[in-house]
Amino acid sequence: MSLGGQPMSPRRHSVSVTEPVTTDPLWCEEYGYGLGRTGGILVLKYRSAGALEFGENRQDFLHQLYWSPDGMLSSRYGARTQFVGQREAFWAHRAVTHEVRAADRQTVYRLCLREVPAALGGLRAGAVSVNPEAARLIQAIARRTCDESEALAARTRIMAGLGPTTADFVGHHATGTGFALTVARALSHDPGDEAGLAEWAERLHVSVKTLQRDFEREFGMPYSKVRTKLRLSTSRVLLETRPVADVAHRVGYSSPSAFITAFTKEYGCTPGRYAGRGHEL
């Protein structure tokens, strides 16, 4: 990674692609700005026809941030597995061994840094909130038309737009009371949580009506539909390596048949055929 300070031409990287395909299985574009300096940043933009897997990864000199604008990420460090939604990223401090997975046809941005963002000091690894400006700027600097001065200015704002807590997450994204976003963040981390709307309302000390209204305001759909979409999005990351019955249980379905019905309605094919048709979805 000892590269020059200008945006670099797209370059291939050997990241595991679970599903073999006959066309280009993986594309990675690489952009480096101010590298070799504390204030530099390296951005790797991946997209694959099959599932992406960053397995048993460890960097002793660089901190890493993984973010996807269009799907869930599955992360593991130590004995802990956590799922990360589009409004969050997975942070790994240098020298922390970790794994990250994404589903097929999903874009993943991987930022490598020498400096720890101020809000993430002391965090070894875990899900962090990404505010809308930071999300926009991550995509903006991963292109050949971005010059170094613009990218380094954007890097400062990206780092300022990260936060590790639920309060940060709600503060970054809420347009309403924030209750619905608090629930959605918890569900994205653990989609198998079986709590219904009434139980969540009790946990948050609000009425069911208030919470449902906040879901409609934030997402334009009721709680049940938000939960279903999160569960199915998460299942796509898991299906490449786990049996359908195991995935159904992990994402909160009472039976494989209920999961198969919901998955087929959403994606147009059964989970059992997904590994073979994932690149067509």
Protein backbone atom coordinates (compact mmCIF):
# COMPACT_ATOMS: atom_id res chain seq x y z
CA MET A 1 0.00 0.00 0.00
CA SER A 2 2.97 2.29 -0.33
CA LEU A 3 1.47 4.11 -3.29
CA GLY A 4 1.83 7.63 -4.63
CA GLY A 5 -0.32 10.59 -3.67
CA GLN A 6 -2.46 10.87 -6.81
CA PRO A 7 -5.68 9.03 -7.70
CA MET A 8 -4.71 5.66 -9.13
CA SER A 9 -6.01 3.66 -12.03
CA PRO A 10 -8.44 0.82 -11.24
CA ARG A 11 -6.53 -2.24 -10.02
CA ARG A 12 -7.60 -5.79 -9.29
CA HIS A 13 -7.31 -7.23 -5.78
CA SER A 14 -7.53 -10.83 -4.60
CA VAL A 15 -10.62 -10.75 -2.41
CA SER A 16 -12.54 -14.01 -2.19
CA VAL A 17 -15.58 -14.34 -4.43
CA THR A 18 -17.74 -17.22 -3.19
CA GLU A 19 -19.64 -17.89 -6.42
CA PRO A 20 -17.50 -18.65 -9.47
CA VAL A 21 -18.65 -16.86 -12.62
CA THR A 22 -17.45 -16.93 -16.19
CA THR A 23 -17.28 -13.15 -16.57
CA ASP A 24 -15.18 -10.74 -14.48
CA PRO A 25 -15.84 -12.01 -10.91
CA LEU A 26 -14.43 -9.01 -9.08
CA TRP A 27 -13.60 -5.44 -9.86
CA CYS A 28 -11.65 -3.20 -7.52
CA GLU A 29 -10.84 0.45 -8.09
CA GLU A 30 -8.08 1.94 -5.94
CA TYR A 31 -7.58 5.60 -5.04
CA GLY A 32 -4.85 6.95 -2.77
CA TYR A 33 -4.40 10.49 -1.46
CA GLY A 34 -1.57 11.73 0.74
CA LEU A 35 -0.38 8.22 1.38
CA GLY A 36 2.64 7.82 3.64
CA ARG A 37 1.38 10.72 5.76
CA THR A 38 -0.76 10.54 8.88
CA GLY A 39 -3.49 12.51 7.13
CA GLY A 40 -3.64 10.30 4.04
CA ILE A 41 -6.37 7.93 2.91
CA LEU A 42 -6.58 4.89 0.63
CA VAL A 43 -10.00 4.03 -0.80
CA LEU A 44 -10.73 0.62 -2.35
CA LYS A 45 -14.04 0.23 -4.17
CA TYR A 46 -15.14 -3.37 -4.76
CA ARG A 47 -17.99 -4.88 -6.73
CA SER A 48 -18.52 -8.53 -7.57
CA ALA A 49 -20.95 -10.78 -9.40
CA GLY A 50 -20.69 -13.22 -6.47
CA ALA A 51 -20.54 -12.79 -2.72
CA LEU A 52 -17.56 -10.81 -1.43
CA GLU A 53 -15.55 -12.09 1.50
CA PHE A 54 -12.73 -10.26 3.26
CA GLY A 55 -11.59 -13.25 5.33
CA GLU A 56 -9.30 -13.25 8.37
CA ASN A 57 -7.99 -9.79 7.55
CA ARG A 58 -5.52 -7.94 9.74
CA GLN A 59 -3.55 -4.76 9.14
CA ASP A 60 -0.84 -3.91 11.66
CA PHE A 61 -0.28 -0.38 10.37
CA LEU A 62 -3.64 0.78 8.97
CA HIS A 63 -7.11 1.19 10.46
CA GLN A 64 -9.96 0.07 8.18
CA LEU A 65 -13.55 1.11 7.57
CA TYR A 66 -15.95 -0.98 5.44
CA TRP A 67 -19.15 0.57 4.10
CA SER A 68 -21.75 -0.49 1.54
CA PRO A 69 -24.40 1.91 0.20
CA ASP A 70 -26.69 -0.84 -1.13
CA GLY A 71 -26.78 -3.82 1.22
CA MET A 72 -25.95 -5.44 4.54
CA LEU A 73 -22.48 -6.43 5.69
CA SER A 74 -21.74 -9.35 7.97
CA SER A 75 -18.78 -8.73 10.27
CA ARG A 76 -16.92 -10.93 12.72
CA TYR A 77 -14.14 -10.22 15.17
CA GLY A 78 -13.27 -12.55 18.03
CA ALA A 79 -16.36 -14.57 18.90
CA ARG A 80 -18.77 -11.79 17.93
CA THR A 81 -20.75 -11.67 14.69
CA GLN A 82 -22.61 -8.47 13.84
CA PHE A 83 -24.60 -7.24 10.85
CA VAL A 84 -24.22 -3.69 9.58
CA GLY A 85 -26.82 -1.77 7.56
CA GLN A 86 -26.41 0.88 4.87
CA ARG A 87 -26.36 3.78 7.32
CA GLU A 88 -23.46 2.26 9.19
CA ALA A 89 -19.96 0.97 8.52
CA PHE A 90 -17.75 -1.62 10.16
CA TRP A 91 -14.66 -0.20 11.86
CA ALA A 92 -11.53 -2.26 12.61
CA HIS A 93 -8.62 -0.75 14.51
CA ARG A 94 -5.18 -1.72 13.25
CA ALA A 95 -3.92 -5.13 14.45
CA VAL A 96 -7.50 -6.38 15.01
CA THR A 97 -8.20 -9.59 13.07
CA HIS A 98 -11.65 -9.46 11.49
CA GLU A 99 -13.83 -10.79 8.67
CA VAL A 100 -16.37 -8.94 6.53
CA ARG A 101 -18.83 -10.39 4.01
CA ALA A 102 -21.21 -8.85 1.48
CA ALA A 103 -23.82 -10.29 -0.87
CA ASP A 104 -23.61 -10.52 -4.65
CA ARG A 105 -23.66 -7.40 -6.86
CA GLN A 106 -23.01 -5.23 -3.83
CA THR A 107 -20.60 -2.32 -3.83
CA VAL A 108 -18.25 -2.18 -0.84
CA TYR A 109 -15.95 0.72 0.00
CA ARG A 110 -12.91 -0.04 2.15
CA LEU A 111 -11.11 2.96 3.63
CA CYS A 112 -7.58 2.55 5.03
CA LEU A 113 -6.36 5.19 7.46
CA ARG A 114 -3.33 5.88 9.65
CA GLU A 115 -5.31 8.14 11.98
CA VAL A 116 -8.23 7.16 14.24
CA PRO A 117 -11.33 9.38 13.84
CA ALA A 118 -11.86 11.39 17.02
CA ALA A 119 -15.21 9.78 17.87
CA LEU A 120 -13.83 6.24 17.51
CA GLY A 121 -10.95 6.48 19.95
CA GLY A 122 -10.84 3.32 22.08
CA LEU A 123 -13.09 1.30 19.75
CA ARG A 124 -11.28 -1.84 18.58
CA ALA A 125 -13.94 -3.01 16.16
CA GLY A 126 -17.66 -2.64 15.59
CA ALA A 127 -20.51 -0.92 13.81
CA VAL A 128 -20.30 2.86 13.52
CA SER A 129 -22.78 5.38 12.18
CA VAL A 130 -22.02 7.17 8.90
CA ASN A 131 -23.81 10.46 8.45
CA PRO A 132 -25.25 11.40 5.02
CA GLU A 133 -22.44 13.83 4.18
CA ALA A 134 -19.75 11.26 4.99
CA ALA A 135 -21.56 8.65 2.87
CA ARG A 136 -21.73 11.05 -0.07
CA LEU A 137 -18.07 12.00 0.25
CA ILE A 138 -16.84 8.39 0.42
CA GLN A 139 -18.39 7.86 -3.00
CA ALA A 140 -17.14 11.22 -4.29
CA ILE A 141 -13.46 10.54 -3.60
CA ALA A 142 -13.60 7.07 -5.18
CA ARG A 143 -13.41 8.41 -8.72
CA ARG A 144 -10.65 9.51 -11.05
CA THR A 145 -11.91 13.08 -11.39
CA CYS A 146 -11.30 13.88 -7.72
CA ASP A 147 -8.01 15.70 -7.10
CA GLU A 148 -5.88 15.26 -4.00
CA SER A 149 -6.72 18.54 -2.25
CA GLU A 150 -10.47 17.86 -2.60
CA ALA A 151 -10.06 14.30 -1.38
CA LEU A 152 -8.03 15.26 1.69
CA ALA A 153 -10.57 17.94 2.61
CA ALA A 154 -13.33 15.33 2.18
CA ARG A 155 -11.38 12.88 4.36
CA THR A 156 -11.54 15.31 7.28
CA ARG A 157 -15.32 15.61 6.91
CA ILE A 158 -15.75 11.85 6.50
CA MET A 159 -13.90 11.22 9.75
CA ALA A 160 -16.02 13.87 11.50
CA GLY A 161 -19.17 12.14 10.20
CA LEU A 162 -18.57 8.85 12.04
CA GLY A 163 -20.01 7.93 15.42
CA PRO A 164 -20.10 4.72 17.48
CA THR A 165 -23.26 5.10 19.56
CA THR A 166 -26.99 4.78 19.00
CA ALA A 167 -27.28 8.47 19.88
CA ASP A 168 -24.86 9.29 17.05
CA PHE A 169 -26.84 7.07 14.69
CA VAL A 170 -30.14 8.73 15.55
CA GLY A 171 -28.57 12.18 15.47
CA HIS A 172 -27.16 11.54 12.01
CA HIS A 173 -30.31 10.19 10.41
CA ALA A 174 -33.55 10.92 12.26
CA THR A 175 -36.17 13.18 10.76
CA GLY A 176 -38.74 12.28 13.42
CA THR A 177 -38.45 11.33 17.07
CA GLY A 178 -35.66 8.82 16.48
CA PHE A 179 -37.54 5.90 18.07
CA ALA A 180 -37.94 4.03 14.79
CA LEU A 181 -34.27 4.44 13.92
CA THR A 182 -33.23 3.12 17.33
CA VAL A 183 -35.27 -0.01 16.70
CA ALA A 184 -34.05 -0.35 13.10
CA ARG A 185 -30.43 -0.16 14.18
CA ALA A 186 -30.95 -2.88 16.78
CA LEU A 187 -32.72 -5.07 14.21
CA SER A 188 -29.98 -4.60 11.63
CA HIS A 189 -27.44 -5.84 14.17
CA ASP A 190 -29.63 -8.78 15.19
CA PRO A 191 -32.37 -9.44 12.61
CA GLY A 192 -33.48 -12.55 14.50
CA ASP A 193 -34.82 -10.49 17.41
CA GLU A 194 -38.40 -11.67 17.85
CA ALA A 195 -39.73 -8.60 19.68
CA GLY A 196 -42.93 -7.17 18.23
CA LEU A 197 -43.86 -3.52 17.94
CA ALA A 198 -45.58 -3.50 21.34
CA GLU A 199 -42.48 -4.86 23.07
CA TRP A 200 -40.25 -2.31 21.40
CA ALA A 201 -42.63 0.46 22.42
CA GLU A 202 -42.46 -0.78 26.01
CA ARG A 203 -38.66 -0.85 25.92
CA LEU A 204 -38.59 2.73 24.65
CA HIS A 205 -41.33 3.92 27.04
CA VAL A 206 -43.55 5.21 24.25
CA SER A 207 -46.96 4.22 22.94
CA VAL A 208 -47.35 1.70 20.14
CA LYS A 209 -49.12 4.35 18.09
CA THR A 210 -46.23 6.81 18.50
CA LEU A 211 -43.68 4.20 17.45
CA GLN A 212 -45.68 3.05 14.44
CA ARG A 213 -46.17 6.65 13.33
CA ASP A 214 -42.41 7.20 13.58
CA PHE A 215 -41.77 4.17 11.35
CA GLU A 216 -44.10 5.59 8.74
CA ARG A 217 -42.34 8.97 8.94
CA GLU A 218 -38.77 7.59 8.79
CA PHE A 219 -39.21 4.71 6.35
CA GLY A 220 -42.57 5.23 4.63
CA MET A 221 -43.69 1.76 5.74
CA PRO A 222 -44.80 -0.01 8.94
CA TYR A 223 -42.52 -1.78 11.41
CA SER A 224 -43.38 -5.25 10.11
CA LYS A 225 -42.26 -4.40 6.57
CA VAL A 226 -39.03 -2.74 7.73
CA ARG A 227 -38.20 -5.83 9.79
CA THR A 228 -38.94 -8.15 6.84
CA LYS A 229 -36.69 -6.16 4.50
CA LEU A 230 -33.84 -6.17 7.02
CA ARG A 231 -34.18 -9.91 7.56
CA LEU A 232 -34.19 -10.73 3.87
CA SER A 233 -31.31 -8.38 3.09
CA THR A 234 -29.27 -10.05 5.83
CA SER A 235 -30.15 -13.51 4.57
CA ARG A 236 -28.49 -12.79 1.21
CA VAL A 237 -25.13 -12.40 2.97
CA LEU A 238 -25.55 -15.74 4.76
CA LEU A 239 -26.99 -17.99 2.07
CA GLU A 240 -23.74 -18.53 0.19
CA THR A 241 -22.25 -20.49 3.10
CA ARG A 242 -25.15 -21.74 5.24
CA PRO A 243 -28.12 -24.07 4.69
CA VAL A 244 -31.51 -22.47 4.14
CA ALA A 245 -32.90 -23.81 7.44
CA ASP A 246 -30.00 -22.29 9.41
CA VAL A 247 -30.38 -18.93 7.67
CA ALA A 248 -34.13 -18.91 8.28
CA HIS A 249 -33.58 -19.39 11.99
CA ARG A 250 -30.72 -16.86 12.16
CA VAL A 251 -32.77 -14.05 10.61
CA GLY A 252 -35.85 -14.70 12.73
CA TYR A 253 -38.24 -16.93 10.77
CA SER A 254 -40.16 -19.60 12.70
CA SER A 255 -39.85 -22.10 9.87
CA PRO A 256 -37.89 -22.56 6.63
CA SER A 257 -41.15 -22.53 4.66
CA ALA A 258 -42.09 -19.07 5.97
CA PHE A 259 -38.63 -17.81 5.05
CA ILE A 260 -38.77 -19.35 1.57
CA THR A 261 -42.13 -17.73 0.90
CA ALA A 262 -40.94 -14.28 1.99
CA PHE A 263 -37.62 -14.56 0.12
CA THR A 264 -39.28 -15.70 -3.12
CA LYS A 265 -41.80 -12.87 -2.96
CA GLU A 266 -39.01 -10.31 -2.51
CA TYR A 267 -36.35 -11.62 -4.92
CA GLY A 268 -38.17 -13.79 -7.43
CA CYS A 269 -36.38 -17.06 -6.69
CA THR A 270 -36.15 -19.45 -3.77
CA PRO A 271 -33.27 -19.24 -1.28
CA GLY A 272 -32.17 -22.73 -2.33
CA ARG A 273 -31.57 -21.48 -5.89
CA TYR A 274 -30.06 -18.20 -4.79
CA ALA A 275 -26.40 -19.30 -4.89
CA GLY A 276 -26.85 -20.33 -8.50
CA ARG A 277 -28.85 -17.27 -9.55
CA GLY A 278 -27.54 -14.56 -7.26
CA HIS A 279 -25.82 -12.65 -10.03
CA GLU A 280 -29.13 -12.41 -11.88
CA LEU A 281 -31.18 -10.90 -9.05
